[in-house]
Amino acid sequence: MPILIRTFVMLLCLVSPAGAAVLPGIDTLQMRHFDVLQGKRVGLVTNHTGRAANGQSTIDILFTAPGVRLVALYSPEHGIRGSEDSKVPSGVDTRTGVPINSLYGISCRPTSQMLKGVDILVIDLQNVGSRFYTYIGTLSLVMRAAKTNGIPVVVLDRPNPINGVDIGGAIPVVPVPEKSSGCGALTSIHPIPTRHGMTMGELARLFNGEFGIGCNLTVIPMQGWRRSMFFDETALPWSNPSPNMRSLTAALLYPGFGILESTNLSVGRGTDRPFELYGAPWFDGNGVAALLQQRAIPGVRFTPASFVPSQEGQPYAGKACSGVAVTITDRRLLDPVLAGLSLLQAIYQLHPNRFKQVDGFGTEVGDRGVWLQLTKGGQRPEDIVARWRVELDTFAVIRKKYLLY
């Protein structure tokens, strides 16, 4: 091993917690003695996923940081503890006494009143790598509010858990029109692919430069992260980013299978395998699994399954469902978007009168013609995915300007 590389590795081991291959942005900020926050009244956008490599909460770290005054907290969807699955009220953090402003309640963007007395905003959130996961929308809305109110933004970077190489899916032609609260745009905040292959810090740079936000932005990078890494290769502990995102497997499937939330299926919410189980009381699990096995979709296997979803407010709560279980056989070969579209088409093939889309399907996919093309039109999922390739190649060129690793 060359001397310079060996020396760097030795130094990284000295400053890293035991076993930590990757250090998030909060660890980097600590090593810099919180330089960008010194003497500032800080507002922190975070939840339970904002943690250092040793597991310590970013809230607690900034609350006790020398020269830093933490004066406000802002919680995204699912709340400051990541346990909520509906609108989230504002409140007070019981540990620090710092007020919590909900960004998933009456408004999804910080108001001027929420930002009163704040000198700088810090964002520390773990995304899952999909465009329609709402933390991306929160990131953009916070940056816009910061620009309007003349407040600098610092993003503490974290890994893309499903790697920073692969991109895929559709790019929305235009963003969803924003409602006054900003909540209407959270799942399609900017025209980026379903699977974007970027970290939160890189997305912040992209949003700022390509979509006209123009806030005063600083990204505190990670140490030790490589683009090819999946989350289980980082040595960081997994914290469920939301109540039903319980594993790296679910995160890997989500960019393609998450669109089925906008149909009349159960996606396994209220079971121990959300986003790995799909079905309904009327669903022919054996038939759908057989159709999909014939297609030999790379990297994934479908098997018949029975389950009872229990989450209130979700389809078929408390009812026995037949369905399919999705198992990843090779994550390097898996194209979750192709696999998700293939599942959708197979279900429709066997249940043309029962299987339906609901509000938001076109928004989630990013291409409003896909439902008819897959169902009535009978187009092959492979052809639909191939049609998006030119736009993805263009996006890949644009995103290079904003990559940090």
Protein backbone atom coordinates (compact mmCIF):
# COMPACT_ATOMS: atom_id res chain seq x y z
CA MET A 1 0.00 0.00 0.00
CA PRO A 2 1.50 3.43 -0.95
CA ILE A 3 2.75 5.45 2.05
CA LEU A 4 0.29 8.34 1.58
CA ILE A 5 -2.75 6.04 1.36
CA ARG A 6 -1.58 4.00 4.36
CA THR A 7 -1.07 7.18 6.39
CA PHE A 8 -4.57 8.43 5.51
CA VAL A 9 -6.14 5.13 6.55
CA MET A 10 -4.25 5.19 9.86
CA LEU A 11 -5.41 8.74 10.58
CA LEU A 12 -9.02 7.86 9.73
CA CYS A 13 -8.87 4.92 12.15
CA LEU A 14 -7.58 7.22 14.89
CA VAL A 15 -10.50 9.63 14.62
CA SER A 16 -13.22 7.08 13.79
CA PRO A 17 -15.30 5.23 16.36
CA ALA A 18 -14.38 1.55 16.52
CA GLY A 19 -15.59 -0.28 13.44
CA ALA A 20 -16.95 2.80 11.64
CA ALA A 21 -15.96 2.73 7.97
CA VAL A 22 -17.96 5.89 7.19
CA LEU A 23 -18.32 9.04 9.24
CA PRO A 24 -21.45 11.18 8.59
CA GLY A 25 -21.33 14.95 8.23
CA ILE A 26 -22.08 15.51 11.91
CA ASP A 27 -18.83 13.71 12.79
CA THR A 28 -16.92 15.86 10.31
CA LEU A 29 -18.49 18.97 11.85
CA GLN A 30 -17.37 17.87 15.31
CA MET A 31 -13.81 17.40 14.06
CA ARG A 32 -13.98 20.93 12.71
CA HIS A 33 -15.03 22.15 16.18
CA PHE A 34 -18.38 23.32 14.77
CA ASP A 35 -16.58 26.13 12.95
CA VAL A 36 -19.47 27.21 10.71
CA LEU A 37 -21.85 27.43 13.69
CA GLN A 38 -19.68 29.33 16.15
CA GLY A 39 -21.53 32.19 17.85
CA LYS A 40 -24.74 31.35 15.96
CA ARG A 41 -28.32 30.65 17.04
CA VAL A 42 -28.99 27.37 15.27
CA GLY A 43 -32.18 25.85 13.90
CA LEU A 44 -31.89 22.11 13.25
CA VAL A 45 -34.00 20.13 10.77
CA THR A 46 -33.67 16.50 11.84
CA ASN A 47 -35.21 13.41 13.35
CA HIS A 48 -33.99 10.18 14.97
CA THR A 49 -31.82 9.40 11.91
CA GLY A 50 -29.60 12.42 12.61
CA ARG A 51 -26.88 10.63 14.56
CA ALA A 52 -23.10 10.47 14.76
CA ALA A 53 -21.27 7.24 13.97
CA ASN A 54 -21.24 6.40 17.68
CA GLY A 55 -25.04 6.71 17.84
CA GLN A 56 -25.22 10.06 19.63
CA SER A 57 -28.09 12.28 18.52
CA THR A 58 -27.25 15.35 16.45
CA ILE A 59 -29.73 17.23 18.64
CA ASP A 60 -27.75 16.41 21.77
CA ILE A 61 -24.42 17.07 20.07
CA LEU A 62 -25.39 20.57 18.93
CA PHE A 63 -27.18 21.34 22.20
CA THR A 64 -23.93 20.84 24.13
CA ALA A 65 -21.49 22.06 21.44
CA PRO A 66 -19.16 24.85 22.70
CA GLY A 67 -19.96 28.21 21.12
CA VAL A 68 -23.23 26.94 19.56
CA ARG A 69 -26.74 27.82 20.71
CA LEU A 70 -29.46 25.42 19.53
CA VAL A 71 -32.69 27.45 19.61
CA ALA A 72 -35.15 25.59 17.36
CA LEU A 73 -35.90 22.14 15.97
CA TYR A 74 -37.85 21.29 12.81
CA SER A 75 -39.34 17.84 12.23
CA PRO A 76 -40.18 16.30 8.82
CA GLU A 77 -42.82 13.67 8.08
CA HIS A 78 -42.93 11.01 10.81
CA GLY A 79 -41.87 13.49 13.49
CA ILE A 80 -38.70 14.11 15.48
CA ARG A 81 -38.61 10.48 16.67
CA GLY A 82 -39.68 8.93 13.35
CA SER A 83 -42.67 7.17 14.91
CA GLU A 84 -45.63 9.06 13.40
CA ASP A 85 -47.52 8.01 10.29
CA SER A 86 -49.92 10.96 9.97
CA LYS A 87 -49.81 14.74 10.35
CA VAL A 88 -47.34 15.75 13.06
CA PRO A 89 -48.00 18.45 15.68
CA SER A 90 -45.39 20.92 16.91
CA GLY A 91 -44.13 20.59 20.46
CA VAL A 92 -41.07 20.68 22.69
CA ASP A 93 -38.15 18.27 22.88
CA THR A 94 -38.38 16.76 26.34
CA ARG A 95 -34.64 16.14 26.61
CA THR A 96 -33.38 19.63 25.73
CA GLY A 97 -36.45 21.84 26.11
CA VAL A 98 -35.93 23.19 22.58
CA PRO A 99 -39.19 23.93 20.68
CA ILE A 100 -40.05 21.59 17.77
CA ASN A 101 -41.70 23.10 14.68
CA SER A 102 -43.54 20.53 12.56
CA LEU A 103 -42.84 20.60 8.83
CA TYR A 104 -45.53 18.00 8.22
CA GLY A 105 -48.62 19.57 9.74
CA ILE A 106 -50.40 22.82 8.94
CA SER A 107 -47.46 23.81 6.75
CA CYS A 108 -44.66 21.78 5.20
CA ARG A 109 -42.39 24.78 4.73
CA PRO A 110 -40.84 26.81 7.56
CA THR A 111 -42.74 30.07 8.05
CA SER A 112 -41.06 33.35 8.88
CA GLN A 113 -42.41 33.02 12.42
CA MET A 114 -40.81 29.58 12.78
CA LEU A 115 -37.48 31.04 11.67
CA LYS A 116 -37.56 34.06 13.95
CA GLY A 117 -34.39 34.32 16.03
CA VAL A 118 -32.49 31.74 13.94
CA ASP A 119 -29.11 32.74 12.47
CA ILE A 120 -28.36 29.53 10.58
CA LEU A 121 -30.24 26.36 9.59
CA VAL A 122 -28.69 22.89 9.81
CA ILE A 123 -30.23 19.88 8.03
CA ASP A 124 -29.40 16.32 9.10
CA LEU A 125 -31.76 13.68 7.64
CA GLN A 126 -31.25 10.16 6.30
CA ASN A 127 -32.88 9.78 2.90
CA VAL A 128 -33.58 6.38 1.28
CA GLY A 129 -32.54 7.15 -2.30
CA SER A 130 -35.98 7.62 -3.91
CA ARG A 131 -37.42 10.82 -5.37
CA PHE A 132 -40.82 10.30 -3.75
CA TYR A 133 -39.50 9.96 -0.20
CA THR A 134 -40.63 13.22 1.41
CA TYR A 135 -37.37 14.20 3.13
CA ILE A 136 -36.13 15.44 -0.26
CA GLY A 137 -39.14 17.75 -0.51
CA THR A 138 -38.51 19.01 3.01
CA LEU A 139 -34.89 19.73 2.08
CA SER A 140 -35.95 21.89 -0.86
CA LEU A 141 -38.67 23.78 1.02
CA VAL A 142 -36.31 24.54 3.91
CA MET A 143 -33.70 25.86 1.48
CA ARG A 144 -36.30 28.09 -0.22
CA ALA A 145 -37.53 29.47 3.10
CA ALA A 146 -33.94 30.11 4.14
CA LYS A 147 -33.29 32.05 0.93
CA THR A 148 -36.43 34.14 1.45
CA ASN A 149 -35.45 34.96 5.02
CA GLY A 150 -31.73 35.51 4.37
CA ILE A 151 -30.59 32.56 6.51
CA PRO A 152 -27.60 30.36 5.56
CA VAL A 153 -28.08 26.58 5.29
CA VAL A 154 -25.69 23.82 6.35
CA VAL A 155 -26.41 20.25 5.22
CA LEU A 156 -24.72 17.46 7.18
CA ASP A 157 -24.28 14.73 4.61
CA ARG A 158 -25.25 11.07 4.96
CA PRO A 159 -24.94 7.98 2.73
CA ASN A 160 -27.36 7.15 -0.03
CA PRO A 161 -28.24 3.72 1.39
CA ILE A 162 -28.91 2.11 -1.99
CA ASN A 163 -25.58 3.35 -3.46
CA GLY A 164 -24.59 6.49 -5.29
CA VAL A 165 -24.00 4.96 -8.71
CA ASP A 166 -27.28 3.58 -10.03
CA ILE A 167 -29.99 5.86 -11.38
CA GLY A 168 -33.30 4.90 -12.95
CA GLY A 169 -36.97 5.54 -13.47
CA ALA A 170 -38.83 8.46 -14.96
CA ILE A 171 -38.05 12.15 -14.61
CA PRO A 172 -41.23 14.20 -14.15
CA VAL A 173 -41.76 16.67 -16.99
CA VAL A 174 -42.49 19.48 -14.50
CA PRO A 175 -42.71 19.57 -10.73
CA VAL A 176 -46.12 19.06 -9.16
CA PRO A 177 -47.76 22.48 -8.63
CA GLU A 178 -47.15 23.64 -5.09
CA LYS A 179 -49.97 24.33 -2.69
CA SER A 180 -49.66 27.30 -0.34
CA SER A 181 -48.46 25.01 2.43
CA GLY A 182 -45.87 23.39 0.18
CA CYS A 183 -47.16 19.91 1.06
CA GLY A 184 -48.45 19.18 -2.43
CA ALA A 185 -44.94 19.01 -3.87
CA LEU A 186 -43.14 16.80 -1.34
CA THR A 187 -43.09 13.62 -3.43
CA SER A 188 -42.12 15.29 -6.71
CA ILE A 189 -40.37 18.46 -5.63
CA HIS A 190 -38.02 18.71 -8.65
CA PRO A 191 -37.65 16.89 -12.00
CA ILE A 192 -35.13 14.23 -10.95
CA PRO A 193 -35.22 10.45 -11.57
CA THR A 194 -37.06 8.07 -9.31
CA ARG A 195 -33.69 6.63 -8.26
CA HIS A 196 -31.26 9.53 -8.32
CA GLY A 197 -28.06 8.04 -6.86
CA MET A 198 -27.21 11.18 -4.85
CA THR A 199 -26.70 12.02 -1.19
CA MET A 200 -28.71 14.70 0.62
CA GLY A 201 -25.77 17.09 0.40
CA GLU A 202 -25.42 16.51 -3.33
CA LEU A 203 -29.16 16.93 -3.84
CA ALA A 204 -28.99 20.24 -1.96
CA ARG A 205 -26.23 21.40 -4.32
CA LEU A 206 -28.24 20.26 -7.35
CA PHE A 207 -31.44 21.95 -6.17
CA ASN A 208 -29.57 25.14 -5.39
CA GLY A 209 -27.78 25.32 -8.72
CA GLU A 210 -30.24 23.84 -11.21
CA PHE A 211 -33.64 24.83 -9.86
CA GLY A 212 -33.11 28.45 -8.92
CA ILE A 213 -33.11 28.32 -5.12
CA GLY A 214 -29.79 30.13 -4.71
CA CYS A 215 -29.53 30.03 -0.92
CA ASN A 216 -26.27 30.44 1.00
CA LEU A 217 -25.41 26.73 1.17
CA THR A 218 -22.63 24.77 2.85
CA VAL A 219 -22.42 20.97 2.72
CA ILE A 220 -20.37 19.22 5.39
CA PRO A 221 -19.19 16.01 3.69
CA MET A 222 -18.86 12.49 5.01
CA GLN A 223 -15.55 10.73 5.41
CA GLY A 224 -14.88 7.29 4.01
CA TRP A 225 -18.01 6.92 1.85
CA ARG A 226 -17.67 5.53 -1.67
CA ARG A 227 -20.38 5.77 -4.30
CA SER A 228 -20.57 2.02 -4.78
CA MET A 229 -21.43 1.42 -1.11
CA PHE A 230 -24.73 0.02 0.10
CA PHE A 231 -25.67 1.02 3.63
CA ASP A 232 -24.62 -2.29 5.20
CA GLU A 233 -21.10 -1.65 3.89
CA THR A 234 -20.74 1.62 5.84
CA ALA A 235 -20.59 0.03 9.35
CA LEU A 236 -23.16 2.63 10.46
CA PRO A 237 -26.18 1.41 12.45
CA TRP A 238 -29.47 1.28 10.54
CA SER A 239 -32.23 3.48 11.99
CA ASN A 240 -35.63 3.05 10.32
CA PRO A 241 -36.00 6.37 8.42
CA SER A 242 -39.78 5.98 8.80
CA PRO A 243 -42.02 3.46 10.59
CA ASN A 244 -42.40 1.21 7.54
CA MET A 245 -38.91 1.56 6.08
CA ARG A 246 -37.49 -1.17 8.27
CA SER A 247 -34.58 -2.56 6.30
CA LEU A 248 -32.10 -1.95 3.54
CA THR A 249 -34.08 -4.48 1.48
CA ALA A 250 -37.18 -2.28 1.71
CA ALA A 251 -35.14 0.77 0.70
CA LEU A 252 -33.69 -1.07 -2.31
CA LEU A 253 -37.15 -2.09 -3.51
CA TYR A 254 -38.85 1.22 -2.77
CA PRO A 255 -37.89 3.19 -5.95
CA GLY A 256 -39.77 0.65 -8.05
CA PHE A 257 -42.32 -0.93 -5.76
CA GLY A 258 -43.27 2.20 -3.81
CA ILE A 259 -45.55 3.21 -6.71
CA LEU A 260 -47.90 0.39 -5.65
CA GLU A 261 -48.88 2.50 -2.66
CA SER A 262 -50.91 4.45 -5.21
CA THR A 263 -53.03 1.41 -6.10
CA ASN A 264 -55.69 -0.56 -4.24
CA LEU A 265 -53.13 -3.08 -2.89
CA SER A 266 -51.70 -3.59 0.55
CA VAL A 267 -47.94 -3.01 0.45
CA GLY A 268 -47.40 -4.87 3.70
CA ARG A 269 -47.82 -1.94 6.08
CA GLY A 270 -48.69 -3.37 9.46
CA THR A 271 -46.62 -6.54 8.88
CA ASP A 272 -42.97 -7.24 9.69
CA ARG A 273 -42.07 -6.92 5.97
CA PRO A 274 -43.51 -3.66 4.61
CA PHE A 275 -42.58 -3.01 0.95
CA GLU A 276 -41.64 -6.67 0.60
CA LEU A 277 -45.23 -8.01 0.62
CA TYR A 278 -47.97 -7.05 -1.86
CA GLY A 279 -51.51 -8.36 -2.03
CA ALA A 280 -55.24 -8.11 -1.34
CA PRO A 281 -58.09 -10.46 -0.32
CA TRP A 282 -58.92 -10.96 -4.04
CA PHE A 283 -55.29 -11.44 -5.16
CA ASP A 284 -54.10 -14.66 -6.85
CA GLY A 285 -50.65 -14.94 -5.29
CA ASN A 286 -49.80 -18.25 -6.93
CA GLY A 287 -50.79 -17.00 -10.38
CA VAL A 288 -48.95 -13.68 -10.15
CA ALA A 289 -45.79 -15.33 -8.78
CA ALA A 290 -45.85 -17.87 -11.62
CA LEU A 291 -46.19 -15.15 -14.27
CA LEU A 292 -43.28 -13.21 -12.84
CA GLN A 293 -41.03 -16.23 -12.49
CA GLN A 294 -41.56 -16.87 -16.19
CA ARG A 295 -40.22 -13.39 -16.93
CA ALA A 296 -36.94 -14.13 -15.07
CA ILE A 297 -36.47 -10.53 -13.88
CA PRO A 298 -32.81 -10.03 -12.90
CA GLY A 299 -31.90 -9.82 -9.21
CA VAL A 300 -35.31 -10.61 -7.71
CA ARG A 301 -37.63 -13.52 -6.96
CA PHE A 302 -41.40 -13.55 -6.38
CA THR A 303 -43.08 -16.21 -4.25
CA PRO A 304 -46.70 -16.66 -3.11
CA ALA A 305 -47.44 -15.30 0.35
CA SER A 306 -50.29 -14.83 2.82
CA PHE A 307 -50.38 -12.00 5.34
CA VAL A 308 -52.67 -9.82 7.44
CA PRO A 309 -51.81 -6.10 7.35
CA SER A 310 -52.66 -4.44 10.65
CA GLN A 311 -51.97 -0.72 10.22
CA GLU A 312 -55.14 1.32 10.62
CA GLY A 313 -56.12 3.47 7.65
CA GLN A 314 -54.23 1.27 5.19
CA PRO A 315 -55.88 -1.03 2.62
CA TYR A 316 -57.35 -4.26 4.04
CA ALA A 317 -56.23 -3.65 7.61
CA GLY A 318 -57.10 -6.72 9.66
CA LYS A 319 -58.07 -8.80 6.61
CA ALA A 320 -56.35 -11.92 5.32
CA CYS A 321 -54.54 -11.15 2.05
CA SER A 322 -53.13 -13.41 -0.62
CA GLY A 323 -50.14 -11.92 -2.36
CA VAL A 324 -46.50 -12.19 -3.29
CA ALA A 325 -43.30 -11.79 -1.33
CA VAL A 326 -40.39 -10.05 -3.05
CA THR A 327 -36.89 -11.35 -2.34
CA ILE A 328 -33.70 -9.75 -3.65
CA THR A 329 -31.37 -12.40 -5.03
CA ASP A 330 -28.65 -10.08 -6.36
CA ARG A 331 -28.80 -6.40 -5.51
CA ARG A 332 -26.14 -5.52 -8.08
CA LEU A 333 -28.35 -6.85 -10.87
CA LEU A 334 -31.64 -5.54 -9.50
CA ASP A 335 -33.43 -2.76 -11.37
CA PRO A 336 -36.23 -2.01 -8.87
CA VAL A 337 -38.14 0.18 -11.34
CA LEU A 338 -38.26 -2.56 -13.97
CA ALA A 339 -39.23 -5.13 -11.33
CA GLY A 340 -41.97 -2.90 -9.90
CA LEU A 341 -43.50 -2.23 -13.32
CA SER A 342 -43.36 -5.94 -14.08
CA LEU A 343 -45.25 -6.76 -10.89
CA LEU A 344 -47.88 -4.14 -11.72
CA GLN A 345 -48.44 -5.56 -15.19
CA ALA A 346 -48.66 -9.16 -13.96
CA ILE A 347 -51.27 -8.21 -11.35
CA TYR A 348 -53.37 -6.42 -13.95
CA GLN A 349 -53.07 -9.37 -16.33
CA LEU A 350 -54.80 -11.62 -13.78
CA HIS A 351 -57.08 -9.00 -12.18
CA PRO A 352 -58.10 -6.48 -14.88
CA ASN A 353 -61.41 -5.71 -13.16
CA ARG A 354 -60.15 -5.55 -9.58
CA PHE A 355 -56.70 -3.91 -9.71
CA LYS A 356 -56.88 -0.10 -9.92
CA GLN A 357 -54.72 2.98 -9.54
CA VAL A 358 -55.65 5.67 -7.04
CA ASP A 359 -54.77 9.34 -6.66
CA GLY A 360 -51.07 10.07 -6.96
CA PHE A 361 -50.01 7.14 -9.13
CA GLY A 362 -48.81 9.30 -12.03
CA THR A 363 -46.98 11.60 -9.61
CA GLU A 364 -45.14 8.71 -7.98
CA VAL A 365 -44.08 7.14 -11.27
CA GLY A 366 -43.22 10.48 -12.86
CA ASP A 367 -44.84 9.50 -16.17
CA ARG A 368 -48.61 9.82 -16.26
CA GLY A 369 -49.02 7.54 -19.25
CA VAL A 370 -47.49 4.46 -17.68
CA TRP A 371 -50.65 2.92 -16.21
CA LEU A 372 -52.45 2.75 -19.56
CA GLN A 373 -49.31 1.68 -21.39
CA LEU A 374 -48.76 -1.27 -19.07
CA THR A 375 -52.40 -2.30 -18.73
CA LYS A 376 -54.64 -1.49 -21.72
CA GLY A 377 -51.69 -1.01 -24.06
CA GLY A 378 -49.78 -4.09 -22.98
CA GLN A 379 -46.38 -2.46 -23.49
CA ARG A 380 -43.39 -4.36 -22.11
CA PRO A 381 -41.90 -2.85 -18.93
CA GLU A 382 -38.47 -3.19 -20.56
CA ASP A 383 -39.59 -0.90 -23.41
CA ILE A 384 -40.97 1.71 -21.00
CA VAL A 385 -37.74 1.74 -19.00
CA ALA A 386 -35.68 1.99 -22.19
CA ARG A 387 -37.74 5.01 -23.29
CA TRP A 388 -36.53 6.95 -20.22
CA ARG A 389 -32.86 6.27 -20.98
CA VAL A 390 -32.13 9.46 -22.96
CA GLU A 391 -33.41 11.72 -20.17
CA LEU A 392 -31.50 9.70 -17.58
CA ASP A 393 -28.28 10.10 -19.58
CA THR A 394 -28.85 13.87 -19.69
CA PHE A 395 -29.46 13.93 -15.95
CA ALA A 396 -26.28 11.93 -15.34
CA VAL A 397 -24.25 14.62 -17.09
CA ILE A 398 -25.91 17.43 -15.12
CA ARG A 399 -25.52 15.72 -11.74
CA LYS A 400 -21.74 15.29 -12.22
CA LYS A 401 -21.32 18.98 -11.43
CA TYR A 402 -22.78 18.46 -7.96
CA LEU A 403 -21.21 15.18 -6.85
CA LEU A 404 -18.91 15.30 -3.81
CA TYR A 405 -17.49 11.77 -3.77
